């Protein structure tokens, strides 16, 4: 995952889901909204065929944003 978030907004919980499988985590600060970081967030098993993958906040928060998501890269793992 590649993202940016200010130190003040960091610490919110995210959810990545595909069908009934999920990855959750806490986003950590990147230093600013203009500084992007890259990190592996976990493994998720996908079924064959087309998939709908959703990335969103896992818990409601009253103000601010969760993060600025630049990309999620999927890699095949044997």
PDB file of N, CA and C in Angstrom:
ATOM      1  N   UNK A   1       0.850  -1.164   0.000  1.00  0.00           N
ATOM      2  CA  UNK A   1       0.000   0.000   0.000  1.00  0.00           C
ATOM      3  C   UNK A   1       0.897   1.229   0.000  1.00  0.00           C
ATOM      4  N   UNK A   2       0.517   2.237  -0.750  1.00  0.00           N
ATOM      5  CA  UNK A   2       1.234   3.515  -0.751  1.00  0.00           C
ATOM      6  C   UNK A   2       0.240   4.599  -0.336  1.00  0.00           C
ATOM      7  N   UNK A   3       0.566   5.355   0.677  1.00  0.00           N
ATOM      8  CA  UNK A   3      -0.362   6.326   1.259  1.00  0.00           C
ATOM      9  C   UNK A   3       0.390   7.516   1.828  1.00  0.00           C
ATOM     10  N   UNK A   4      -0.366   8.560   2.126  1.00  0.00           N
ATOM     11  CA  UNK A   4       0.141   9.694   2.889  1.00  0.00           C
ATOM     12  C   UNK A   4      -0.929  10.099   3.891  1.00  0.00           C
ATOM     13  N   UNK A   5      -0.474  10.635   5.003  1.00  0.00           N
ATOM     14  CA  UNK A   5      -1.383  11.165   6.025  1.00  0.00           C
ATOM     15  C   UNK A   5      -0.552  12.041   6.963  1.00  0.00           C
ATOM     16  N   UNK A   6      -1.151  13.097   7.430  1.00  0.00           N
ATOM     17  CA  UNK A   6      -0.442  13.965   8.367  1.00  0.00           C
ATOM     18  C   UNK A   6      -0.315  13.274   9.722  1.00  0.00           C
ATOM     19  N   UNK A   7       0.650  13.701  10.497  1.00  0.00           N
ATOM     20  CA  UNK A   7       0.846  13.134  11.828  1.00  0.00           C
ATOM     21  C   UNK A   7      -0.393  13.325  12.700  1.00  0.00           C
ATOM     22  N   UNK A   8      -1.092  14.437  12.520  1.00  0.00           N
ATOM     23  CA  UNK A   8      -2.285  14.734  13.323  1.00  0.00           C
ATOM     24  C   UNK A   8      -3.455  13.807  13.000  1.00  0.00           C
ATOM     25  N   UNK A   9      -3.568  13.367  11.752  1.00  0.00           N
ATOM     26  CA  UNK A   9      -4.677  12.512  11.331  1.00  0.00           C
ATOM     27  C   UNK A   9      -4.372  11.024  11.461  1.00  0.00           C
ATOM     28  N   UNK A  10      -3.131  10.653  11.656  1.00  0.00           N
ATOM     29  CA  UNK A  10      -2.720   9.243  11.688  1.00  0.00           C
ATOM     30  C   UNK A  10      -3.331   8.516  12.887  1.00  0.00           C
ATOM     31  N   UNK A  11      -3.387   7.187  12.779  1.00  0.00           N
ATOM     32  CA  UNK A  11      -3.864   6.362  13.882  1.00  0.00           C
ATOM     33  C   UNK A  11      -5.255   5.791  13.701  1.00  0.00           C
ATOM     34  N   UNK A  12      -5.868   6.040  12.552  1.00  0.00           N
ATOM     35  CA  UNK A  12      -7.208   5.506  12.305  1.00  0.00           C
ATOM     36  C   UNK A  12      -7.117   4.090  11.747  1.00  0.00           C
ATOM     37  N   UNK A  13      -8.157   3.298  11.990  1.00  0.00           N
ATOM     38  CA  UNK A  13      -8.172   1.908  11.553  1.00  0.00           C
ATOM     39  C   UNK A  13      -8.752   1.788  10.156  1.00  0.00           C
ATOM     40  N   UNK A  14      -8.077   0.988   9.303  1.00  0.00           N
ATOM     41  CA  UNK A  14      -8.564   0.759   7.940  1.00  0.00           C
ATOM     42  C   UNK A  14      -8.970  -0.697   7.759  1.00  0.00           C
ATOM     43  N   UNK A  15      -9.729  -0.928   6.689  1.00  0.00           N
ATOM     44  CA  UNK A  15     -10.205  -2.264   6.336  1.00  0.00           C
ATOM     45  C   UNK A  15     -10.043  -2.443   4.834  1.00  0.00           C
ATOM     46  N   UNK A  16      -9.425  -3.539   4.430  1.00  0.00           N
ATOM     47  CA  UNK A  16      -9.374  -3.952   3.036  1.00  0.00           C
ATOM     48  C   UNK A  16     -10.124  -5.269   2.981  1.00  0.00           C
ATOM     49  N   UNK A  17     -11.133  -5.346   2.117  1.00  0.00           N
ATOM     50  CA  UNK A  17     -11.919  -6.576   2.059  1.00  0.00           C
ATOM     51  C   UNK A  17     -12.179  -7.004   0.625  1.00  0.00           C
ATOM     52  N   UNK A  18     -12.213  -8.319   0.461  1.00  0.00           N
ATOM     53  CA  UNK A  18     -12.556  -8.949  -0.800  1.00  0.00           C
ATOM     54  C   UNK A  18     -13.462 -10.113  -0.451  1.00  0.00           C
ATOM     55  N   UNK A  19     -14.707  -9.994  -0.838  1.00  0.00           N
ATOM     56  CA  UNK A  19     -15.728 -10.988  -0.512  1.00  0.00           C
ATOM     57  C   UNK A  19     -15.838 -11.097   1.008  1.00  0.00           C
ATOM     58  N   UNK A  20     -15.588 -12.263   1.581  1.00  0.00           N
ATOM     59  CA  UNK A  20     -15.710 -12.423   3.036  1.00  0.00           C
ATOM     60  C   UNK A  20     -14.347 -12.439   3.731  1.00  0.00           C
ATOM     61  N   UNK A  21     -13.302 -12.033   3.039  1.00  0.00           N
ATOM     62  CA  UNK A  21     -11.948 -12.015   3.617  1.00  0.00           C
ATOM     63  C   UNK A  21     -11.525 -10.576   3.872  1.00  0.00           C
ATOM     64  N   UNK A  22     -10.772 -10.362   4.960  1.00  0.00           N
ATOM     65  CA  UNK A  22     -10.431  -8.996   5.366  1.00  0.00           C
ATOM     66  C   UNK A  22      -9.006  -8.874   5.874  1.00  0.00           C
ATOM     67  N   UNK A  23      -8.485  -7.669   5.708  1.00  0.00           N
ATOM     68  CA  UNK A  23      -7.250  -7.249   6.361  1.00  0.00           C
ATOM     69  C   UNK A  23      -7.588  -5.952   7.077  1.00  0.00           C
ATOM     70  N   UNK A  24      -7.248  -5.845   8.337  1.00  0.00           N
ATOM     71  CA  UNK A  24      -7.429  -4.597   9.074  1.00  0.00           C
ATOM     72  C   UNK A  24      -6.069  -4.136   9.571  1.00  0.00           C
ATOM     73  N   UNK A  25      -5.970  -2.860   9.834  1.00  0.00           N
ATOM     74  CA  UNK A  25      -4.735  -2.302  10.359  1.00  0.00           C
ATOM     75  C   UNK A  25      -4.933  -0.870  10.797  1.00  0.00           C
ATOM     76  N   UNK A  26      -3.926  -0.332  11.429  1.00  0.00           N
ATOM     77  CA  UNK A  26      -3.917   1.069  11.853  1.00  0.00           C
ATOM     78  C   UNK A  26      -2.945   1.812  10.950  1.00  0.00           C
ATOM     79  N   UNK A  27      -3.415   2.874  10.316  1.00  0.00           N
ATOM     80  CA  UNK A  27      -2.516   3.625   9.458  1.00  0.00           C
ATOM     81  C   UNK A  27      -1.578   4.467  10.307  1.00  0.00           C
ATOM     82  N   UNK A  28      -0.318   4.474   9.907  1.00  0.00           N
ATOM     83  CA  UNK A  28       0.691   5.200  10.662  1.00  0.00           C
ATOM     84  C   UNK A  28       1.109   6.420   9.858  1.00  0.00           C
ATOM     85  N   UNK A  29       1.655   7.423  10.531  1.00  0.00           N
ATOM     86  CA  UNK A  29       1.944   8.693   9.869  1.00  0.00           C
ATOM     87  C   UNK A  29       3.009   8.568   8.786  1.00  0.00           C
ATOM     88  N   UNK A  30       2.846   9.371   7.754  1.00  0.00           N
ATOM     89  CA  UNK A  30       3.859   9.428   6.702  1.00  0.00           C
ATOM     90  C   UNK A  30       4.693  10.697   6.813  1.00  0.00           C
ATOM     91  N   UNK A  31       4.299  11.587   7.703  1.00  0.00           N
ATOM     92  CA  UNK A  31       5.034  12.843   7.890  1.00  0.00           C
ATOM     93  C   UNK A  31       4.248  14.055   7.442  1.00  0.00           C
ATOM     94  N   UNK A  32       3.497  13.905   6.354  1.00  0.00           N
ATOM     95  CA  UNK A  32       2.642  14.994   5.868  1.00  0.00           C
ATOM     96  C   UNK A  32       1.743  14.440   4.771  1.00  0.00           C
ATOM     97  N   UNK A  33       0.790  15.246   4.327  1.00  0.00           N
ATOM     98  CA  UNK A  33      -0.100  14.837   3.240  1.00  0.00           C
ATOM     99  C   UNK A  33       0.646  14.752   1.912  1.00  0.00           C
ATOM    100  N   UNK A  34       1.826  15.356   1.832  1.00  0.00           N
ATOM    101  CA  UNK A  34       2.600  15.356   0.584  1.00  0.00           C
ATOM    102  C   UNK A  34       3.696  14.300   0.564  1.00  0.00           C
ATOM    103  N   UNK A  35       3.913  13.614   1.685  1.00  0.00           N
ATOM    104  CA  UNK A  35       4.956  12.596   1.787  1.00  0.00           C
ATOM    105  C   UNK A  35       4.306  11.221   1.793  1.00  0.00           C
ATOM    106  N   UNK A  36       4.652  10.404   0.813  1.00  0.00           N
ATOM    107  CA  UNK A  36       4.060   9.067   0.698  1.00  0.00           C
ATOM    108  C   UNK A  36       5.000   8.008   1.248  1.00  0.00           C
ATOM    109  N   UNK A  37       4.416   6.990   1.864  1.00  0.00           N
ATOM    110  CA  UNK A  37       5.151   5.837   2.354  1.00  0.00           C
ATOM    111  C   UNK A  37       4.569   4.584   1.713  1.00  0.00           C
ATOM    112  N   UNK A  38       5.371   3.536   1.677  1.00  0.00           N
ATOM    113  CA  UNK A  38       4.949   2.247   1.142  1.00  0.00           C
ATOM    114  C   UNK A  38       5.221   1.176   2.182  1.00  0.00           C
ATOM    115  N   UNK A  39       4.247   0.284   2.393  1.00  0.00           N
ATOM    116  CA  UNK A  39       4.430  -0.822   3.338  1.00  0.00           C
ATOM    117  C   UNK A  39       3.509  -1.967   2.961  1.00  0.00           C
ATOM    118  N   UNK A  40       3.944  -3.174   3.284  1.00  0.00           N
ATOM    119  CA  UNK A  40       3.093  -4.350   3.131  1.00  0.00           C
ATOM    120  C   UNK A  40       2.089  -4.362   4.278  1.00  0.00           C
ATOM    121  N   UNK A  41       0.824  -4.626   3.972  1.00  0.00           N
ATOM    122  CA  UNK A  41      -0.193  -4.612   5.034  1.00  0.00           C
ATOM    123  C   UNK A  41      -0.745  -5.994   5.331  1.00  0.00           C
ATOM    124  N   UNK A  42      -0.357  -7.012   4.568  1.00  0.00           N
ATOM    125  CA  UNK A  42      -0.819  -8.362   4.884  1.00  0.00           C
ATOM    126  C   UNK A  42      -1.114  -9.187   3.651  1.00  0.00           C
ATOM    127  N   UNK A  43      -1.637 -10.369   3.888  1.00  0.00           N
ATOM    128  CA  UNK A  43      -1.992 -11.310   2.829  1.00  0.00           C
ATOM    129  C   UNK A  43      -3.495 -11.560   2.854  1.00  0.00           C
ATOM    130  N   UNK A  44      -4.059 -11.693   1.667  1.00  0.00           N
ATOM    131  CA  UNK A  44      -5.476 -11.996   1.550  1.00  0.00           C
ATOM    132  C   UNK A  44      -5.651 -12.986   0.397  1.00  0.00           C
ATOM    133  N   UNK A  45      -6.415 -14.023   0.618  1.00  0.00           N
ATOM    134  CA  UNK A  45      -6.646 -15.024  -0.415  1.00  0.00           C
ATOM    135  C   UNK A  45      -7.807 -14.576  -1.290  1.00  0.00           C
ATOM    136  N   UNK A  46      -7.583 -14.595  -2.592  1.00  0.00           N
ATOM    137  CA  UNK A  46      -8.615 -14.207  -3.548  1.00  0.00           C
ATOM    138  C   UNK A  46      -9.072 -15.430  -4.324  1.00  0.00           C
ATOM    139  N   UNK A  47     -10.357 -15.488  -4.626  1.00  0.00           N
ATOM    140  CA  UNK A  47     -10.900 -16.549  -5.460  1.00  0.00           C
ATOM    141  C   UNK A  47     -10.551 -16.264  -6.922  1.00  0.00           C
ATOM    142  N   UNK A  48     -10.618 -17.283  -7.751  1.00  0.00           N
ATOM    143  CA  UNK A  48     -10.389 -17.110  -9.180  1.00  0.00           C
ATOM    144  C   UNK A  48     -11.488 -16.223  -9.761  1.00  0.00           C
ATOM    145  N   UNK A  49     -11.147 -15.468 -10.792  1.00  0.00           N
ATOM    146  CA  UNK A  49     -12.133 -14.628 -11.464  1.00  0.00           C
ATOM    147  C   UNK A  49     -12.095 -13.191 -10.991  1.00  0.00           C
ATOM    148  N   UNK A  50     -13.110 -12.435 -11.393  1.00  0.00           N
ATOM    149  CA  UNK A  50     -13.198 -11.026 -11.030  1.00  0.00           C
ATOM    150  C   UNK A  50     -13.470 -10.869  -9.540  1.00  0.00           C
ATOM    151  N   UNK A  51     -12.850  -9.870  -8.950  1.00  0.00           N
ATOM    152  CA  UNK A  51     -13.017  -9.593  -7.518  1.00  0.00           C
ATOM    153  C   UNK A  51     -13.330  -8.120  -7.314  1.00  0.00           C
ATOM    154  N   UNK A  52     -14.131  -7.842  -6.342  1.00  0.00           N
ATOM    155  CA  UNK A  52     -14.350  -6.471  -5.894  1.00  0.00           C
ATOM    156  C   UNK A  52     -13.565  -6.317  -4.606  1.00  0.00           C
ATOM    157  N   UNK A  53     -12.597  -5.413  -4.608  1.00  0.00           N
ATOM    158  CA  UNK A  53     -11.767  -5.158  -3.434  1.00  0.00           C
ATOM    159  C   UNK A  53     -12.108  -3.769  -2.933  1.00  0.00           C
ATOM    160  N   UNK A  54     -12.408  -3.651  -1.649  1.00  0.00           N
ATOM    161  CA  UNK A  54     -12.823  -2.388  -1.048  1.00  0.00           C
ATOM    162  C   UNK A  54     -11.817  -1.997   0.029  1.00  0.00           C
ATOM    163  N   UNK A  55     -11.402  -0.734   0.015  1.00  0.00           N
ATOM    164  CA  UNK A  55     -10.551  -0.177   1.055  1.00  0.00           C
ATOM    165  C   UNK A  55     -11.320   0.974   1.680  1.00  0.00           C
ATOM    166  N   UNK A  56     -11.459   0.953   3.021  1.00  0.00           N
ATOM    167  CA  UNK A  56     -12.232   1.999   3.690  1.00  0.00           C
ATOM    168  C   UNK A  56     -11.837   2.084   5.156  1.00  0.00           C
ATOM    169  N   UNK A  57     -12.363   3.085   5.827  1.00  0.00           N
ATOM    170  CA  UNK A  57     -12.174   3.191   7.273  1.00  0.00           C
ATOM    171  C   UNK A  57     -12.924   2.041   7.932  1.00  0.00           C
ATOM    172  N   UNK A  58     -12.330   1.450   8.951  1.00  0.00           N
ATOM    173  CA  UNK A  58     -12.975   0.328   9.638  1.00  0.00           C
ATOM    174  C   UNK A  58     -13.880   0.793  10.766  1.00  0.00           C
ATOM    175  N   UNK A  59     -13.651   1.986  11.249  1.00  0.00           N
ATOM    176  CA  UNK A  59     -14.482   2.551  12.313  1.00  0.00           C
ATOM    177  C   UNK A  59     -14.848   3.972  11.945  1.00  0.00           C
ATOM    178  N   UNK A  60     -16.018   4.396  12.375  1.00  0.00           N
ATOM    179  CA  UNK A  60     -16.473   5.767  12.122  1.00  0.00           C
ATOM    180  C   UNK A  60     -15.623   6.749  12.929  1.00  0.00           C
ATOM    181  N   UNK A  61     -15.294   7.870  12.310  1.00  0.00           N
ATOM    182  CA  UNK A  61     -14.647   8.969  13.033  1.00  0.00           C
ATOM    183  C   UNK A  61     -15.342  10.255  12.625  1.00  0.00           C
ATOM    184  N   UNK A  62     -15.360  11.225  13.547  1.00  0.00           N
ATOM    185  CA  UNK A  62     -16.172  12.422  13.357  1.00  0.00           C
ATOM    186  C   UNK A  62     -15.580  13.469  12.427  1.00  0.00           C
ATOM    187  N   UNK A  63     -14.247  13.589  12.379  1.00  0.00           N
ATOM    188  CA  UNK A  63     -13.673  14.636  11.530  1.00  0.00           C
ATOM    189  C   UNK A  63     -12.357  14.171  10.936  1.00  0.00           C
ATOM    190  N   UNK A  64     -11.934  14.884   9.904  1.00  0.00           N
ATOM    191  CA  UNK A  64     -10.681  14.556   9.254  1.00  0.00           C
ATOM    192  C   UNK A  64     -10.857  13.483   8.193  1.00  0.00           C
ATOM    193  N   UNK A  65      -9.740  12.976   7.728  1.00  0.00           N
ATOM    194  CA  UNK A  65      -9.731  11.950   6.686  1.00  0.00           C
ATOM    195  C   UNK A  65      -8.914  10.767   7.160  1.00  0.00           C
ATOM    196  N   UNK A  66      -9.147   9.610   6.566  1.00  0.00           N
ATOM    197  CA  UNK A  66      -8.379   8.434   6.976  1.00  0.00           C
ATOM    198  C   UNK A  66      -6.965   8.497   6.401  1.00  0.00           C
ATOM    199  N   UNK A  67      -6.829   8.730   5.101  1.00  0.00           N
ATOM    200  CA  UNK A  67      -5.518   8.845   4.465  1.00  0.00           C
ATOM    201  C   UNK A  67      -5.703   9.190   3.005  1.00  0.00           C
ATOM    202  N   UNK A  68      -4.615   9.479   2.325  1.00  0.00           N
ATOM    203  CA  UNK A  68      -4.622   9.684   0.883  1.00  0.00           C
ATOM    204  C   UNK A  68      -3.986   8.435   0.287  1.00  0.00           C
ATOM    205  N   UNK A  69      -4.807   7.574  -0.299  1.00  0.00           N
ATOM    206  CA  UNK A  69      -4.348   6.303  -0.843  1.00  0.00           C
ATOM    207  C   UNK A  69      -3.898   6.497  -2.279  1.00  0.00           C
ATOM    208  N   UNK A  70      -2.626   6.252  -2.532  1.00  0.00           N
ATOM    209  CA  UNK A  70      -2.105   6.364  -3.897  1.00  0.00           C
ATOM    210  C   UNK A  70      -2.286   5.057  -4.652  1.00  0.00           C
ATOM    211  N   UNK A  71      -1.939   3.946  -4.019  1.00  0.00           N
ATOM    212  CA  UNK A  71      -2.128   2.664  -4.698  1.00  0.00           C
ATOM    213  C   UNK A  71      -2.050   1.490  -3.736  1.00  0.00           C
ATOM    214  N   UNK A  72      -2.688   0.412  -4.155  1.00  0.00           N
ATOM    215  CA  UNK A  72      -2.561  -0.883  -3.501  1.00  0.00           C
ATOM    216  C   UNK A  72      -2.029  -1.825  -4.572  1.00  0.00           C
ATOM    217  N   UNK A  73      -0.924  -2.467  -4.281  1.00  0.00           N
ATOM    218  CA  UNK A  73      -0.306  -3.394  -5.219  1.00  0.00           C
ATOM    219  C   UNK A  73      -0.524  -4.804  -4.727  1.00  0.00           C
ATOM    220  N   UNK A  74      -1.066  -5.650  -5.596  1.00  0.00           N
ATOM    221  CA  UNK A  74      -1.280  -7.056  -5.264  1.00  0.00           C
ATOM    222  C   UNK A  74      -0.164  -7.878  -5.903  1.00  0.00           C
ATOM    223  N   UNK A  75       0.420  -8.765  -5.108  1.00  0.00           N
ATOM    224  CA  UNK A  75       1.476  -9.641  -5.601  1.00  0.00           C
ATOM    225  C   UNK A  75       1.080 -11.080  -5.335  1.00  0.00           C
ATOM    226  N   UNK A  76       1.329 -11.923  -6.285  1.00  0.00           N
ATOM    227  CA  UNK A  76       1.028 -13.341  -6.127  1.00  0.00           C
ATOM    228  C   UNK A  76       2.039 -13.963  -5.171  1.00  0.00           C
ATOM    229  N   UNK A  77       1.533 -14.715  -4.211  1.00  0.00           N
ATOM    230  CA  UNK A  77       2.373 -15.402  -3.231  1.00  0.00           C
ATOM    231  C   UNK A  77       2.108 -16.882  -3.358  1.00  0.00           C
ATOM    232  N   UNK A  78       3.151 -17.662  -3.426  1.00  0.00           N
ATOM    233  CA  UNK A  78       2.975 -19.118  -3.551  1.00  0.00           C
ATOM    234  C   UNK A  78       2.974 -19.771  -2.197  1.00  0.00           C
TER     235      UNK A  78
END
